Amino acid sequence: MAITIRKAVREDCPRLLELVKELAVYEKAPEQVTVTMDHFTESGFGPRPVWWAFVAEEQGHIQGFALYYIRYSTWKGQVMYLEDILVTENARGKGIGQLLFNRLVEEAKEKGFKRISWQVLEWNEPAIHFYKKYKADFDGEWLNASIGL
């Protein structure tokens, strides 16, 4: 079956949020997804979007997505931050992740971003193996930090 990679549109949000929840289950944190559909949709397709995404379609059904936003590095300038990339479990092994990641690289180059950065859980060996194919640098020096508001 042919896989099509395209920019996400507002109408994709329900399926994207389903896939976000699937990813949360995989990452052993389903209770952590608290974003509402309205907030998710407005954040991507409102007057001031803060995220953009590509979707992978097979026969008109979204099988995966890659969602990013723009960070700013005082050392490098604008950076693409890959928030999530997921291929639904039953569609893995078809090269969809590679198609999505390649499209992100293309987008980053088109927009003049200085790099693409992301996080990966240390136990997620399939993802780590995938990123190593792209010669990703893994930085064990920095610690993640956040505060809840």
N, C-alpha and C. Protein backbone atom coordinates (compact mmCIF):
# COMPACT_ATOMS: atom_id res chain seq x y z
N MET A 1 0.84 -1.18 0.00
CA MET A 1 0.00 0.00 0.00
C MET A 1 0.88 1.25 0.00
N ALA A 2 0.44 2.27 -0.71
CA ALA A 2 1.18 3.52 -0.78
C ALA A 2 0.97 4.33 0.49
N ILE A 3 2.05 4.90 0.97
CA ILE A 3 2.02 5.78 2.14
C ILE A 3 2.18 7.20 1.65
N THR A 4 1.31 8.09 2.09
CA THR A 4 1.39 9.50 1.74
C THR A 4 1.75 10.30 2.98
N ILE A 5 2.74 11.17 2.86
CA ILE A 5 3.11 12.08 3.95
C ILE A 5 2.61 13.46 3.55
N ARG A 6 1.86 14.08 4.46
CA ARG A 6 1.33 15.42 4.19
C ARG A 6 1.28 16.21 5.48
N LYS A 7 1.12 17.53 5.32
CA LYS A 7 0.97 18.38 6.50
C LYS A 7 -0.38 18.08 7.15
N ALA A 8 -0.38 18.10 8.45
CA ALA A 8 -1.63 17.89 9.19
C ALA A 8 -2.56 19.08 8.97
N VAL A 9 -3.85 18.79 9.00
CA VAL A 9 -4.89 19.82 8.93
C VAL A 9 -5.78 19.69 10.17
N ARG A 10 -6.56 20.70 10.42
CA ARG A 10 -7.42 20.76 11.60
C ARG A 10 -8.25 19.49 11.78
N GLU A 11 -8.77 18.97 10.69
CA GLU A 11 -9.64 17.80 10.75
C GLU A 11 -8.91 16.54 11.22
N ASP A 12 -7.60 16.57 11.21
CA ASP A 12 -6.80 15.42 11.66
C ASP A 12 -6.70 15.34 13.18
N CYS A 13 -7.04 16.41 13.89
CA CYS A 13 -6.79 16.47 15.33
C CYS A 13 -7.39 15.32 16.14
N PRO A 14 -8.62 14.88 15.89
CA PRO A 14 -9.12 13.74 16.67
C PRO A 14 -8.24 12.50 16.52
N ARG A 15 -7.80 12.19 15.30
CA ARG A 15 -6.93 11.03 15.11
C ARG A 15 -5.56 11.26 15.73
N LEU A 16 -5.03 12.47 15.60
CA LEU A 16 -3.73 12.77 16.21
C LEU A 16 -3.78 12.58 17.72
N LEU A 17 -4.85 13.04 18.34
CA LEU A 17 -4.96 12.88 19.78
C LEU A 17 -5.11 11.41 20.17
N GLU A 18 -5.79 10.63 19.35
CA GLU A 18 -5.85 9.17 19.59
C GLU A 18 -4.44 8.59 19.60
N LEU A 19 -3.63 9.00 18.63
CA LEU A 19 -2.27 8.48 18.53
C LEU A 19 -1.39 8.99 19.68
N VAL A 20 -1.62 10.22 20.13
CA VAL A 20 -0.91 10.74 21.29
C VAL A 20 -1.20 9.84 22.50
N LYS A 21 -2.46 9.47 22.65
CA LYS A 21 -2.84 8.60 23.77
C LYS A 21 -2.23 7.21 23.62
N GLU A 22 -2.14 6.70 22.39
CA GLU A 22 -1.48 5.42 22.16
C GLU A 22 -0.01 5.50 22.56
N LEU A 23 0.64 6.61 22.21
CA LEU A 23 2.04 6.81 22.59
C LEU A 23 2.19 6.86 24.11
N ALA A 24 1.27 7.52 24.78
CA ALA A 24 1.33 7.62 26.25
C ALA A 24 1.20 6.24 26.90
N VAL A 25 0.37 5.39 26.34
CA VAL A 25 0.25 4.03 26.85
C VAL A 25 1.57 3.30 26.67
N TYR A 26 2.16 3.42 25.49
CA TYR A 26 3.45 2.78 25.21
C TYR A 26 4.53 3.27 26.18
N GLU A 27 4.48 4.58 26.49
CA GLU A 27 5.48 5.17 27.38
C GLU A 27 5.10 5.02 28.86
N LYS A 28 4.08 4.20 29.13
CA LYS A 28 3.67 3.85 30.49
C LYS A 28 3.19 5.05 31.31
N ALA A 29 2.51 5.99 30.63
CA ALA A 29 2.02 7.18 31.31
C ALA A 29 0.69 7.66 30.73
N PRO A 30 -0.29 6.76 30.55
CA PRO A 30 -1.54 7.20 29.90
C PRO A 30 -2.28 8.28 30.68
N GLU A 31 -2.14 8.28 31.98
CA GLU A 31 -2.83 9.28 32.81
C GLU A 31 -2.24 10.67 32.66
N GLN A 32 -1.08 10.78 32.02
CA GLN A 32 -0.43 12.08 31.86
C GLN A 32 -1.02 12.92 30.72
N VAL A 33 -1.80 12.30 29.84
CA VAL A 33 -2.41 13.06 28.74
C VAL A 33 -3.66 13.75 29.27
N THR A 34 -3.55 15.05 29.47
CA THR A 34 -4.67 15.81 30.01
C THR A 34 -5.15 16.93 29.08
N VAL A 35 -4.48 17.09 27.94
CA VAL A 35 -4.87 18.14 27.00
C VAL A 35 -6.27 17.84 26.46
N THR A 36 -7.07 18.88 26.31
CA THR A 36 -8.40 18.72 25.74
C THR A 36 -8.33 18.82 24.21
N MET A 37 -9.32 18.30 23.55
CA MET A 37 -9.37 18.38 22.10
C MET A 37 -9.38 19.85 21.65
N ASP A 38 -10.16 20.68 22.33
CA ASP A 38 -10.23 22.09 21.94
C ASP A 38 -8.87 22.77 22.06
N HIS A 39 -8.18 22.53 23.18
CA HIS A 39 -6.87 23.15 23.38
C HIS A 39 -5.86 22.62 22.36
N PHE A 40 -5.86 21.33 22.13
CA PHE A 40 -4.96 20.72 21.16
C PHE A 40 -5.18 21.32 19.78
N THR A 41 -6.43 21.39 19.35
CA THR A 41 -6.77 21.91 18.03
C THR A 41 -6.41 23.38 17.91
N GLU A 42 -6.79 24.18 18.90
CA GLU A 42 -6.49 25.61 18.88
C GLU A 42 -4.98 25.86 18.85
N SER A 43 -4.22 25.04 19.55
CA SER A 43 -2.77 25.22 19.62
C SER A 43 -2.08 24.92 18.30
N GLY A 44 -2.72 24.10 17.48
CA GLY A 44 -2.13 23.79 16.19
C GLY A 44 -2.73 24.55 15.03
N PHE A 45 -3.99 24.99 15.19
CA PHE A 45 -4.69 25.57 14.04
C PHE A 45 -5.43 26.86 14.36
N GLY A 46 -5.17 27.43 15.52
CA GLY A 46 -5.75 28.71 15.87
C GLY A 46 -5.00 29.85 15.20
N PRO A 47 -5.28 31.09 15.62
CA PRO A 47 -4.63 32.25 14.99
C PRO A 47 -3.12 32.31 15.21
N ARG A 48 -2.63 31.70 16.28
CA ARG A 48 -1.19 31.68 16.56
C ARG A 48 -0.75 30.26 16.88
N PRO A 49 -0.61 29.42 15.88
CA PRO A 49 -0.23 28.03 16.14
C PRO A 49 1.13 27.93 16.81
N VAL A 50 1.25 26.95 17.69
CA VAL A 50 2.53 26.72 18.38
C VAL A 50 3.11 25.36 18.02
N TRP A 51 2.36 24.56 17.28
CA TRP A 51 2.88 23.28 16.80
C TRP A 51 2.43 23.04 15.37
N TRP A 52 3.22 22.19 14.68
CA TRP A 52 2.95 21.78 13.31
C TRP A 52 3.18 20.29 13.25
N ALA A 53 2.59 19.64 12.28
CA ALA A 53 2.73 18.19 12.21
C ALA A 53 2.64 17.70 10.77
N PHE A 54 3.22 16.53 10.57
CA PHE A 54 3.05 15.77 9.34
C PHE A 54 2.35 14.49 9.71
N VAL A 55 1.50 14.01 8.82
CA VAL A 55 0.83 12.74 9.04
C VAL A 55 1.19 11.78 7.92
N ALA A 56 1.16 10.51 8.25
CA ALA A 56 1.37 9.44 7.28
C ALA A 56 0.04 8.74 7.08
N GLU A 57 -0.43 8.76 5.84
CA GLU A 57 -1.72 8.14 5.52
C GLU A 57 -1.51 6.91 4.65
N GLU A 58 -2.32 5.91 4.94
CA GLU A 58 -2.38 4.72 4.12
C GLU A 58 -3.85 4.45 3.84
N GLN A 59 -4.22 4.48 2.59
CA GLN A 59 -5.62 4.31 2.18
C GLN A 59 -6.55 5.27 2.93
N GLY A 60 -6.12 6.52 3.09
CA GLY A 60 -6.93 7.54 3.72
C GLY A 60 -6.99 7.48 5.23
N HIS A 61 -6.25 6.58 5.85
CA HIS A 61 -6.26 6.44 7.31
C HIS A 61 -4.89 6.85 7.87
N ILE A 62 -4.89 7.72 8.85
CA ILE A 62 -3.63 8.19 9.44
C ILE A 62 -3.03 7.07 10.29
N GLN A 63 -1.84 6.65 9.90
CA GLN A 63 -1.13 5.57 10.58
C GLN A 63 0.02 6.08 11.46
N GLY A 64 0.35 7.34 11.32
CA GLY A 64 1.44 7.89 12.12
C GLY A 64 1.51 9.39 11.96
N PHE A 65 2.31 10.00 12.83
CA PHE A 65 2.48 11.45 12.76
C PHE A 65 3.81 11.84 13.37
N ALA A 66 4.24 13.04 13.03
CA ALA A 66 5.41 13.67 13.65
C ALA A 66 5.00 15.11 13.94
N LEU A 67 5.06 15.50 15.21
CA LEU A 67 4.63 16.83 15.64
C LEU A 67 5.83 17.58 16.19
N TYR A 68 5.99 18.81 15.71
CA TYR A 68 7.14 19.60 16.15
C TYR A 68 6.71 21.02 16.49
N TYR A 69 7.61 21.72 17.16
CA TYR A 69 7.47 23.15 17.38
C TYR A 69 8.84 23.79 17.27
N ILE A 70 8.90 25.10 17.33
CA ILE A 70 10.16 25.82 17.18
C ILE A 70 10.66 26.25 18.55
N ARG A 71 11.90 25.89 18.82
CA ARG A 71 12.61 26.36 20.01
C ARG A 71 13.63 27.38 19.55
N TYR A 72 14.12 28.14 20.50
CA TYR A 72 15.17 29.10 20.16
C TYR A 72 16.39 28.83 21.01
N SER A 73 17.51 28.67 20.37
CA SER A 73 18.79 28.50 21.05
C SER A 73 19.56 29.80 20.96
N THR A 74 19.97 30.33 22.09
CA THR A 74 20.77 31.56 22.05
C THR A 74 22.12 31.32 21.41
N TRP A 75 22.52 30.06 21.30
CA TRP A 75 23.79 29.72 20.67
C TRP A 75 23.64 29.43 19.18
N LYS A 76 22.50 28.87 18.78
CA LYS A 76 22.35 28.38 17.41
C LYS A 76 21.25 29.08 16.60
N GLY A 77 20.28 29.67 17.26
CA GLY A 77 19.13 30.25 16.56
C GLY A 77 17.94 29.31 16.63
N GLN A 78 17.08 29.36 15.62
CA GLN A 78 15.87 28.55 15.63
C GLN A 78 16.19 27.07 15.45
N VAL A 79 15.51 26.26 16.24
CA VAL A 79 15.71 24.82 16.27
C VAL A 79 14.35 24.14 16.17
N MET A 80 14.26 23.11 15.36
CA MET A 80 13.05 22.30 15.32
C MET A 80 13.10 21.35 16.51
N TYR A 81 12.04 21.34 17.32
CA TYR A 81 11.96 20.39 18.42
C TYR A 81 10.88 19.37 18.08
N LEU A 82 11.30 18.13 17.92
CA LEU A 82 10.37 17.03 17.64
C LEU A 82 9.74 16.60 18.96
N GLU A 83 8.49 16.94 19.14
CA GLU A 83 7.79 16.59 20.37
C GLU A 83 7.41 15.11 20.38
N ASP A 84 6.81 14.66 19.30
CA ASP A 84 6.37 13.27 19.21
C ASP A 84 6.46 12.77 17.78
N ILE A 85 6.86 11.53 17.66
CA ILE A 85 6.76 10.82 16.39
C ILE A 85 6.24 9.43 16.75
N LEU A 86 5.22 9.01 16.03
CA LEU A 86 4.61 7.71 16.35
C LEU A 86 4.06 7.09 15.08
N VAL A 87 4.28 5.82 14.96
CA VAL A 87 3.60 5.00 13.96
C VAL A 87 2.77 4.01 14.76
N THR A 88 1.48 3.95 14.46
CA THR A 88 0.60 3.07 15.21
C THR A 88 1.12 1.63 15.12
N GLU A 89 0.90 0.87 16.16
CA GLU A 89 1.52 -0.44 16.30
C GLU A 89 1.29 -1.35 15.10
N ASN A 90 0.07 -1.38 14.58
CA ASN A 90 -0.22 -2.31 13.48
C ASN A 90 0.35 -1.88 12.13
N ALA A 91 0.96 -0.68 12.07
CA ALA A 91 1.53 -0.21 10.80
C ALA A 91 3.06 -0.13 10.85
N ARG A 92 3.64 -0.60 11.92
CA ARG A 92 5.11 -0.53 12.03
C ARG A 92 5.75 -1.53 11.08
N GLY A 93 6.99 -1.22 10.72
CA GLY A 93 7.74 -2.10 9.83
C GLY A 93 7.53 -1.81 8.35
N LYS A 94 6.81 -0.75 8.03
CA LYS A 94 6.54 -0.39 6.63
C LYS A 94 7.38 0.79 6.16
N GLY A 95 8.27 1.30 7.02
CA GLY A 95 9.09 2.45 6.66
C GLY A 95 8.42 3.79 6.89
N ILE A 96 7.29 3.79 7.60
CA ILE A 96 6.55 5.03 7.82
C ILE A 96 7.34 5.99 8.70
N GLY A 97 7.97 5.48 9.74
CA GLY A 97 8.77 6.35 10.61
C GLY A 97 9.87 7.05 9.84
N GLN A 98 10.52 6.31 8.96
CA GLN A 98 11.59 6.89 8.14
C GLN A 98 11.04 7.97 7.22
N LEU A 99 9.89 7.72 6.60
CA LEU A 99 9.27 8.72 5.74
C LEU A 99 8.94 9.99 6.52
N LEU A 100 8.39 9.83 7.71
CA LEU A 100 8.06 10.99 8.54
C LEU A 100 9.32 11.75 8.96
N PHE A 101 10.33 11.02 9.41
CA PHE A 101 11.55 11.68 9.88
C PHE A 101 12.26 12.39 8.73
N ASN A 102 12.29 11.75 7.56
CA ASN A 102 12.90 12.39 6.40
C ASN A 102 12.17 13.67 6.03
N ARG A 103 10.84 13.66 6.18
CA ARG A 103 10.06 14.87 5.88
C ARG A 103 10.38 15.98 6.88
N LEU A 104 10.60 15.59 8.15
CA LEU A 104 11.01 16.59 9.15
C LEU A 104 12.35 17.21 8.80
N VAL A 105 13.30 16.40 8.38
CA VAL A 105 14.62 16.90 7.99
C VAL A 105 14.48 17.88 6.83
N GLU A 106 13.67 17.51 5.86
CA GLU A 106 13.42 18.38 4.71
C GLU A 106 12.82 19.72 5.17
N GLU A 107 11.83 19.66 6.05
CA GLU A 107 11.18 20.86 6.56
C GLU A 107 12.18 21.74 7.31
N ALA A 108 13.00 21.14 8.14
CA ALA A 108 13.98 21.89 8.92
C ALA A 108 14.96 22.61 7.99
N LYS A 109 15.39 21.93 6.95
CA LYS A 109 16.30 22.56 5.98
C LYS A 109 15.60 23.70 5.25
N GLU A 110 14.35 23.48 4.82
CA GLU A 110 13.59 24.51 4.10
C GLU A 110 13.42 25.77 4.95
N LYS A 111 13.20 25.58 6.23
CA LYS A 111 12.94 26.71 7.13
C LYS A 111 14.22 27.30 7.72
N GLY A 112 15.36 26.71 7.41
CA GLY A 112 16.62 27.25 7.89
C GLY A 112 16.90 26.99 9.36
N PHE A 113 16.26 25.97 9.94
CA PHE A 113 16.54 25.63 11.33
C PHE A 113 17.96 25.09 11.43
N LYS A 114 18.59 25.31 12.55
CA LYS A 114 19.98 24.93 12.73
C LYS A 114 20.16 23.48 13.15
N ARG A 115 19.13 22.89 13.69
CA ARG A 115 19.20 21.49 14.07
C ARG A 115 17.79 21.00 14.40
N ILE A 116 17.67 19.69 14.58
CA ILE A 116 16.46 19.07 15.10
C ILE A 116 16.86 18.43 16.42
N SER A 117 16.08 18.66 17.45
CA SER A 117 16.36 18.02 18.73
C SER A 117 15.09 17.37 19.25
N TRP A 118 15.28 16.39 20.15
CA TRP A 118 14.17 15.65 20.73
C TRP A 118 14.66 14.90 21.95
N GLN A 119 13.75 14.27 22.62
CA GLN A 119 14.07 13.39 23.75
C GLN A 119 13.59 11.99 23.42
N VAL A 120 14.26 11.02 24.02
CA VAL A 120 13.83 9.63 23.89
C VAL A 120 14.06 8.97 25.24
N LEU A 121 13.11 8.17 25.65
CA LEU A 121 13.26 7.46 26.92
C LEU A 121 14.41 6.47 26.83
N GLU A 122 15.21 6.39 27.88
CA GLU A 122 16.41 5.55 27.84
C GLU A 122 16.10 4.07 27.64
N TRP A 123 14.89 3.62 27.96
CA TRP A 123 14.54 2.21 27.79
C TRP A 123 13.91 1.92 26.43
N ASN A 124 13.67 2.96 25.63
CA ASN A 124 12.99 2.78 24.35
C ASN A 124 14.01 2.39 23.27
N GLU A 125 14.46 1.15 23.34
CA GLU A 125 15.49 0.66 22.43
C GLU A 125 15.10 0.74 20.95
N PRO A 126 13.85 0.41 20.58
CA PRO A 126 13.51 0.54 19.15
C PRO A 126 13.69 1.97 18.64
N ALA A 127 13.28 2.96 19.44
CA ALA A 127 13.43 4.35 19.02
C ALA A 127 14.90 4.75 18.97
N ILE A 128 15.66 4.35 19.97
CA ILE A 128 17.09 4.67 19.99
C ILE A 128 17.78 4.09 18.76
N HIS A 129 17.46 2.85 18.44
CA HIS A 129 18.03 2.20 17.26
C HIS A 129 17.65 2.97 15.99
N PHE A 130 16.40 3.41 15.90
CA PHE A 130 15.92 4.19 14.77
C PHE A 130 16.73 5.47 14.63
N TYR A 131 16.90 6.22 15.73
CA TYR A 131 17.62 7.49 15.68
C TYR A 131 19.10 7.32 15.37
N LYS A 132 19.66 6.21 15.78
CA LYS A 132 21.08 5.96 15.47
C LYS A 132 21.31 5.83 13.97
N LYS A 133 20.31 5.40 13.24
CA LYS A 133 20.43 5.32 11.78
C LYS A 133 20.66 6.70 11.17
N TYR A 134 20.22 7.74 11.88
CA TYR A 134 20.39 9.12 11.43
C TYR A 134 21.65 9.75 12.04
N LYS A 135 22.44 8.95 12.72
CA LYS A 135 23.67 9.42 13.37
C LYS A 135 23.36 10.50 14.41
N ALA A 136 22.28 10.30 15.14
CA ALA A 136 21.88 11.24 16.19
C ALA A 136 22.92 11.25 17.31
N ASP A 137 23.13 12.41 17.89
CA ASP A 137 23.99 12.55 19.06
C ASP A 137 23.11 12.41 20.30
N PHE A 138 23.51 11.52 21.20
CA PHE A 138 22.78 11.33 22.45
C PHE A 138 23.58 12.00 23.56
N ASP A 139 22.94 12.89 24.28
CA ASP A 139 23.62 13.68 25.30
C ASP A 139 23.21 13.20 26.68
N GLY A 140 24.10 12.55 27.38
CA GLY A 140 23.80 12.07 28.73
C GLY A 140 24.12 13.08 29.81
N GLU A 141 24.57 14.27 29.40
CA GLU A 141 25.01 15.27 30.37
C GLU A 141 23.87 16.09 30.94
N TRP A 142 22.86 16.40 30.13
CA TRP A 142 21.79 17.28 30.56
C TRP A 142 20.68 16.49 31.26
N LEU A 143 20.10 17.08 32.27
CA LEU A 143 18.97 16.50 32.98
C LEU A 143 17.70 17.23 32.57
N ASN A 144 16.59 16.51 32.47
CA ASN A 144 15.31 17.16 32.19
C ASN A 144 14.81 17.80 33.47
N ALA A 145 14.18 18.95 33.34
CA ALA A 145 13.60 19.63 34.49
C ALA A 145 12.29 20.29 34.07
N SER A 146 11.34 20.35 34.97
CA SER A 146 10.09 21.04 34.70
C SER A 146 9.39 21.32 36.02
N ILE A 147 8.43 22.21 35.97
CA ILE A 147 7.57 22.43 37.13
C ILE A 147 6.13 22.40 36.65
N GLY A 148 5.25 21.89 37.47
CA GLY A 148 3.84 21.89 37.14
C GLY A 148 3.21 23.21 37.59
N LEU A 149 2.30 23.70 36.82
CA LEU A 149 1.62 24.96 37.18
C LEU A 149 0.14 24.75 37.36
